[in-house]
N, C-alpha and C. Protein backbone atom coordinates (compact mmCIF):
# COMPACT_ATOMS: atom_id res chain seq x y z
N MET A 1 3.30 -11.40 -18.37
CA MET A 1 3.89 -11.05 -17.08
C MET A 1 3.20 -11.87 -16.00
N ARG A 2 3.95 -12.58 -15.24
CA ARG A 2 3.40 -13.43 -14.20
C ARG A 2 3.56 -12.79 -12.83
N ALA A 3 2.55 -12.90 -12.06
CA ALA A 3 2.59 -12.38 -10.69
C ALA A 3 3.12 -13.45 -9.76
N SER A 4 3.66 -13.05 -8.65
CA SER A 4 4.16 -13.99 -7.66
C SER A 4 3.37 -13.82 -6.37
N HIS A 5 3.09 -14.94 -5.72
CA HIS A 5 2.33 -14.89 -4.48
C HIS A 5 3.24 -14.79 -3.26
N ALA A 6 4.55 -14.89 -3.43
CA ALA A 6 5.47 -14.85 -2.29
C ALA A 6 5.44 -13.51 -1.54
N PRO A 7 5.41 -12.35 -2.22
CA PRO A 7 5.34 -11.10 -1.43
C PRO A 7 4.07 -10.99 -0.59
N MET A 8 2.95 -11.47 -1.11
CA MET A 8 1.71 -11.39 -0.33
C MET A 8 1.79 -12.31 0.89
N GLN A 9 2.37 -13.48 0.72
CA GLN A 9 2.53 -14.37 1.86
C GLN A 9 3.46 -13.76 2.90
N MET A 10 4.51 -13.06 2.46
CA MET A 10 5.42 -12.41 3.38
C MET A 10 4.71 -11.28 4.14
N ILE A 11 3.87 -10.51 3.43
CA ILE A 11 3.13 -9.43 4.08
C ILE A 11 2.18 -9.99 5.13
N MET A 12 1.50 -11.09 4.81
CA MET A 12 0.58 -11.69 5.77
C MET A 12 1.32 -12.22 6.99
N THR A 13 2.49 -12.81 6.79
CA THR A 13 3.28 -13.33 7.90
C THR A 13 3.81 -12.19 8.77
N CYS A 14 4.33 -11.14 8.15
CA CYS A 14 4.84 -10.00 8.92
C CYS A 14 3.71 -9.29 9.66
N ALA A 15 2.54 -9.23 9.06
CA ALA A 15 1.40 -8.58 9.73
C ALA A 15 1.04 -9.32 11.01
N SER A 16 1.13 -10.65 11.00
CA SER A 16 0.79 -11.38 12.21
C SER A 16 1.78 -11.12 13.34
N VAL A 17 2.97 -10.65 13.00
CA VAL A 17 3.96 -10.35 14.02
C VAL A 17 3.89 -8.88 14.45
N PHE A 18 3.75 -7.98 13.48
CA PHE A 18 3.91 -6.55 13.76
C PHE A 18 2.62 -5.79 14.00
N VAL A 19 1.48 -6.30 13.57
CA VAL A 19 0.22 -5.58 13.76
C VAL A 19 -0.30 -5.91 15.15
N GLY A 20 -0.63 -4.87 15.92
CA GLY A 20 -1.00 -5.07 17.31
C GLY A 20 -2.44 -5.43 17.56
N GLY A 21 -3.38 -4.78 16.92
CA GLY A 21 -4.79 -5.01 17.20
C GLY A 21 -5.38 -6.12 16.36
N ILE A 22 -6.28 -6.89 16.94
CA ILE A 22 -6.89 -8.01 16.23
C ILE A 22 -7.79 -7.53 15.10
N GLU A 23 -8.38 -6.35 15.25
CA GLU A 23 -9.24 -5.83 14.19
C GLU A 23 -8.43 -5.53 12.93
N TRP A 24 -7.31 -4.84 13.10
CA TRP A 24 -6.46 -4.53 11.95
C TRP A 24 -5.85 -5.79 11.37
N LEU A 25 -5.44 -6.71 12.23
CA LEU A 25 -4.85 -7.96 11.75
C LEU A 25 -5.86 -8.76 10.93
N SER A 26 -7.10 -8.80 11.38
CA SER A 26 -8.10 -9.57 10.64
C SER A 26 -8.36 -8.96 9.27
N VAL A 27 -8.36 -7.63 9.18
CA VAL A 27 -8.56 -6.98 7.88
C VAL A 27 -7.37 -7.24 6.95
N VAL A 28 -6.15 -7.16 7.47
CA VAL A 28 -4.96 -7.42 6.66
C VAL A 28 -4.95 -8.87 6.18
N GLN A 29 -5.25 -9.80 7.08
CA GLN A 29 -5.25 -11.21 6.69
C GLN A 29 -6.34 -11.52 5.66
N PHE A 30 -7.53 -10.94 5.83
CA PHE A 30 -8.61 -11.17 4.88
C PHE A 30 -8.26 -10.59 3.52
N THR A 31 -7.73 -9.37 3.49
CA THR A 31 -7.34 -8.76 2.23
C THR A 31 -6.24 -9.56 1.54
N GLY A 32 -5.28 -10.01 2.31
CA GLY A 32 -4.21 -10.83 1.75
C GLY A 32 -4.73 -12.15 1.19
N ALA A 33 -5.65 -12.77 1.89
CA ALA A 33 -6.21 -14.04 1.42
C ALA A 33 -7.01 -13.86 0.14
N VAL A 34 -7.77 -12.76 0.06
CA VAL A 34 -8.52 -12.48 -1.17
C VAL A 34 -7.57 -12.26 -2.33
N LEU A 35 -6.50 -11.51 -2.09
CA LEU A 35 -5.53 -11.28 -3.16
C LEU A 35 -4.79 -12.55 -3.56
N LEU A 36 -4.49 -13.43 -2.61
CA LEU A 36 -3.85 -14.70 -2.94
C LEU A 36 -4.74 -15.56 -3.84
N VAL A 37 -6.00 -15.66 -3.48
CA VAL A 37 -6.92 -16.46 -4.30
C VAL A 37 -7.06 -15.83 -5.68
N TYR A 38 -7.21 -14.51 -5.74
CA TYR A 38 -7.34 -13.83 -7.03
C TYR A 38 -6.09 -14.02 -7.89
N MET A 39 -4.91 -13.81 -7.28
CA MET A 39 -3.68 -13.95 -8.06
C MET A 39 -3.51 -15.37 -8.59
N TYR A 40 -3.84 -16.35 -7.78
CA TYR A 40 -3.69 -17.71 -8.27
C TYR A 40 -4.69 -18.00 -9.38
N LEU A 41 -5.95 -17.65 -9.18
CA LEU A 41 -6.95 -17.96 -10.20
C LEU A 41 -6.71 -17.18 -11.49
N ARG A 42 -6.18 -15.99 -11.39
CA ARG A 42 -6.00 -15.17 -12.58
C ARG A 42 -4.65 -15.37 -13.25
N TRP A 43 -3.57 -15.49 -12.47
CA TRP A 43 -2.24 -15.42 -13.05
C TRP A 43 -1.39 -16.67 -12.91
N LEU A 44 -1.66 -17.55 -11.96
CA LEU A 44 -0.71 -18.63 -11.68
C LEU A 44 -1.29 -20.04 -11.83
N PRO A 45 -2.04 -20.36 -12.85
CA PRO A 45 -2.50 -21.74 -12.96
C PRO A 45 -1.34 -22.68 -13.30
N TYR A 46 -1.44 -23.89 -12.80
CA TYR A 46 -0.41 -24.90 -13.03
C TYR A 46 -0.84 -25.76 -14.21
N LEU A 47 0.06 -26.54 -14.75
CA LEU A 47 -0.25 -27.34 -15.95
C LEU A 47 -1.13 -28.55 -15.66
N HIS A 48 -1.09 -29.07 -14.45
CA HIS A 48 -1.85 -30.26 -14.11
C HIS A 48 -3.08 -29.89 -13.28
N ALA A 49 -4.21 -30.50 -13.61
CA ALA A 49 -5.47 -30.16 -12.94
C ALA A 49 -5.45 -30.52 -11.46
N THR A 50 -4.79 -31.60 -11.10
CA THR A 50 -4.76 -32.02 -9.69
C THR A 50 -4.05 -30.98 -8.84
N VAL A 51 -2.94 -30.46 -9.32
CA VAL A 51 -2.20 -29.45 -8.58
C VAL A 51 -3.03 -28.17 -8.46
N ASN A 52 -3.75 -27.81 -9.52
CA ASN A 52 -4.62 -26.63 -9.46
C ASN A 52 -5.69 -26.80 -8.38
N CYS A 53 -6.31 -27.97 -8.32
CA CYS A 53 -7.35 -28.22 -7.32
C CYS A 53 -6.80 -28.13 -5.91
N VAL A 54 -5.63 -28.70 -5.68
CA VAL A 54 -5.03 -28.67 -4.34
C VAL A 54 -4.66 -27.25 -3.94
N ARG A 55 -4.09 -26.49 -4.85
CA ARG A 55 -3.68 -25.12 -4.52
C ARG A 55 -4.89 -24.22 -4.28
N VAL A 56 -5.93 -24.36 -5.10
CA VAL A 56 -7.13 -23.55 -4.88
C VAL A 56 -7.79 -23.93 -3.56
N ALA A 57 -7.80 -25.21 -3.22
CA ALA A 57 -8.37 -25.64 -1.94
C ALA A 57 -7.57 -25.06 -0.77
N ALA A 58 -6.26 -25.04 -0.88
CA ALA A 58 -5.43 -24.49 0.20
C ALA A 58 -5.66 -22.99 0.36
N TYR A 59 -5.66 -22.25 -0.73
CA TYR A 59 -5.87 -20.80 -0.64
C TYR A 59 -7.30 -20.47 -0.22
N SER A 60 -8.25 -21.28 -0.64
CA SER A 60 -9.64 -21.04 -0.22
C SER A 60 -9.82 -21.32 1.27
N SER A 61 -9.10 -22.29 1.80
CA SER A 61 -9.16 -22.55 3.24
C SER A 61 -8.59 -21.37 4.03
N ILE A 62 -7.52 -20.79 3.52
CA ILE A 62 -6.96 -19.60 4.17
C ILE A 62 -7.96 -18.45 4.12
N LEU A 63 -8.64 -18.29 2.99
CA LEU A 63 -9.65 -17.25 2.85
C LEU A 63 -10.81 -17.48 3.81
N TRP A 64 -11.25 -18.74 3.95
CA TRP A 64 -12.34 -19.07 4.87
C TRP A 64 -11.94 -18.74 6.31
N ALA A 65 -10.73 -19.11 6.71
CA ALA A 65 -10.28 -18.83 8.07
C ALA A 65 -10.15 -17.33 8.31
N ALA A 66 -9.70 -16.59 7.31
CA ALA A 66 -9.58 -15.14 7.46
C ALA A 66 -10.95 -14.47 7.57
N SER A 67 -11.93 -14.98 6.85
CA SER A 67 -13.28 -14.41 6.96
C SER A 67 -13.89 -14.71 8.33
N ILE A 68 -13.64 -15.89 8.88
CA ILE A 68 -14.11 -16.21 10.23
C ILE A 68 -13.42 -15.29 11.25
N LEU A 69 -12.13 -15.01 11.03
CA LEU A 69 -11.40 -14.11 11.94
C LEU A 69 -11.99 -12.70 11.92
N VAL A 70 -12.39 -12.22 10.74
CA VAL A 70 -13.00 -10.90 10.65
C VAL A 70 -14.30 -10.86 11.44
N ILE A 71 -15.12 -11.90 11.32
CA ILE A 71 -16.38 -11.95 12.06
C ILE A 71 -16.12 -12.00 13.56
N LEU A 72 -15.15 -12.80 13.98
CA LEU A 72 -14.84 -12.88 15.41
C LEU A 72 -14.24 -11.58 15.95
N ALA A 73 -13.46 -10.90 15.14
CA ALA A 73 -12.81 -9.67 15.61
C ALA A 73 -13.80 -8.53 15.79
N PHE A 74 -14.73 -8.39 14.86
CA PHE A 74 -15.64 -7.26 14.93
C PHE A 74 -16.95 -7.58 15.63
N GLN A 75 -17.31 -8.85 15.78
CA GLN A 75 -18.50 -9.31 16.49
C GLN A 75 -19.74 -8.50 16.14
N PRO A 76 -20.22 -8.58 14.90
CA PRO A 76 -21.40 -7.80 14.50
C PRO A 76 -22.66 -8.30 15.21
N GLY A 77 -23.40 -7.39 15.77
CA GLY A 77 -24.67 -7.74 16.42
C GLY A 77 -24.53 -8.35 17.79
N VAL A 78 -23.35 -8.31 18.39
CA VAL A 78 -23.14 -8.91 19.71
C VAL A 78 -22.67 -7.82 20.67
N ASP A 79 -23.31 -7.76 21.82
CA ASP A 79 -22.90 -6.81 22.86
C ASP A 79 -21.64 -7.35 23.53
N PRO A 80 -20.50 -6.65 23.45
CA PRO A 80 -19.27 -7.17 24.03
C PRO A 80 -19.31 -7.27 25.55
N ASN A 81 -20.27 -6.61 26.20
CA ASN A 81 -20.38 -6.69 27.66
C ASN A 81 -21.19 -7.89 28.12
N ASP A 82 -21.94 -8.53 27.22
CA ASP A 82 -22.75 -9.70 27.56
C ASP A 82 -21.92 -10.96 27.30
N ASP A 83 -21.46 -11.57 28.40
CA ASP A 83 -20.59 -12.74 28.27
C ASP A 83 -21.28 -13.91 27.58
N ASN A 84 -22.55 -14.12 27.85
CA ASN A 84 -23.25 -15.24 27.21
C ASN A 84 -23.38 -15.05 25.71
N ALA A 85 -23.66 -13.83 25.29
CA ALA A 85 -23.79 -13.56 23.85
C ALA A 85 -22.44 -13.74 23.14
N VAL A 86 -21.37 -13.30 23.77
CA VAL A 86 -20.04 -13.46 23.18
C VAL A 86 -19.68 -14.94 23.10
N HIS A 87 -19.98 -15.68 24.17
CA HIS A 87 -19.70 -17.11 24.19
C HIS A 87 -20.49 -17.84 23.11
N GLU A 88 -21.75 -17.53 22.97
CA GLU A 88 -22.58 -18.17 21.93
C GLU A 88 -22.09 -17.83 20.53
N GLN A 89 -21.67 -16.58 20.32
CA GLN A 89 -21.19 -16.19 19.01
C GLN A 89 -19.89 -16.90 18.67
N ARG A 90 -19.01 -17.06 19.63
CA ARG A 90 -17.74 -17.76 19.38
C ARG A 90 -17.97 -19.23 19.10
N TRP A 91 -18.90 -19.86 19.81
CA TRP A 91 -19.20 -21.26 19.54
C TRP A 91 -19.84 -21.42 18.17
N ALA A 92 -20.67 -20.47 17.78
CA ALA A 92 -21.27 -20.53 16.44
C ALA A 92 -20.20 -20.41 15.37
N MET A 93 -19.20 -19.56 15.57
CA MET A 93 -18.12 -19.43 14.60
C MET A 93 -17.26 -20.68 14.56
N CYS A 94 -17.06 -21.33 15.70
CA CYS A 94 -16.31 -22.59 15.71
C CYS A 94 -17.05 -23.67 14.92
N ARG A 95 -18.34 -23.75 15.11
CA ARG A 95 -19.13 -24.72 14.34
C ARG A 95 -19.13 -24.37 12.86
N LEU A 96 -19.26 -23.10 12.54
CA LEU A 96 -19.25 -22.66 11.16
C LEU A 96 -17.89 -22.92 10.51
N GLY A 97 -16.85 -22.79 11.27
CA GLY A 97 -15.51 -23.04 10.75
C GLY A 97 -15.28 -24.47 10.36
N HIS A 98 -16.01 -25.40 10.94
CA HIS A 98 -15.84 -26.81 10.60
C HIS A 98 -16.80 -27.27 9.50
N TYR A 99 -17.77 -26.49 9.14
CA TYR A 99 -18.73 -26.94 8.13
C TYR A 99 -18.13 -27.04 6.74
N HIS A 100 -17.16 -26.22 6.43
CA HIS A 100 -16.59 -26.28 5.08
C HIS A 100 -15.75 -27.53 4.87
N VAL A 101 -15.32 -28.17 5.94
CA VAL A 101 -14.51 -29.38 5.83
C VAL A 101 -15.36 -30.58 5.47
N ALA A 102 -16.58 -30.63 6.02
CA ALA A 102 -17.43 -31.80 5.82
C ALA A 102 -18.01 -31.91 4.43
């Protein structure tokens, strides 16, 4: 029995439209990205190694972006009333978001 990743992609797309709060949206996107990576690695391998590498890289990039969104949404250890701390935390996440590319 093969699983399909299309329903999960549809749920993630609909969540970005219908979910109002950024905290809930970040949790839904992160959960969806984890499930996409799991479903592909467990159930949907392709016959050619190159295609497998490209698909895993694409789904892993979505997972990385979703994890950065969770950190930005909940801002652990940052006082939301301190503008400098929020600014520094957002710049740190921007820098961290580009490290996986290099």
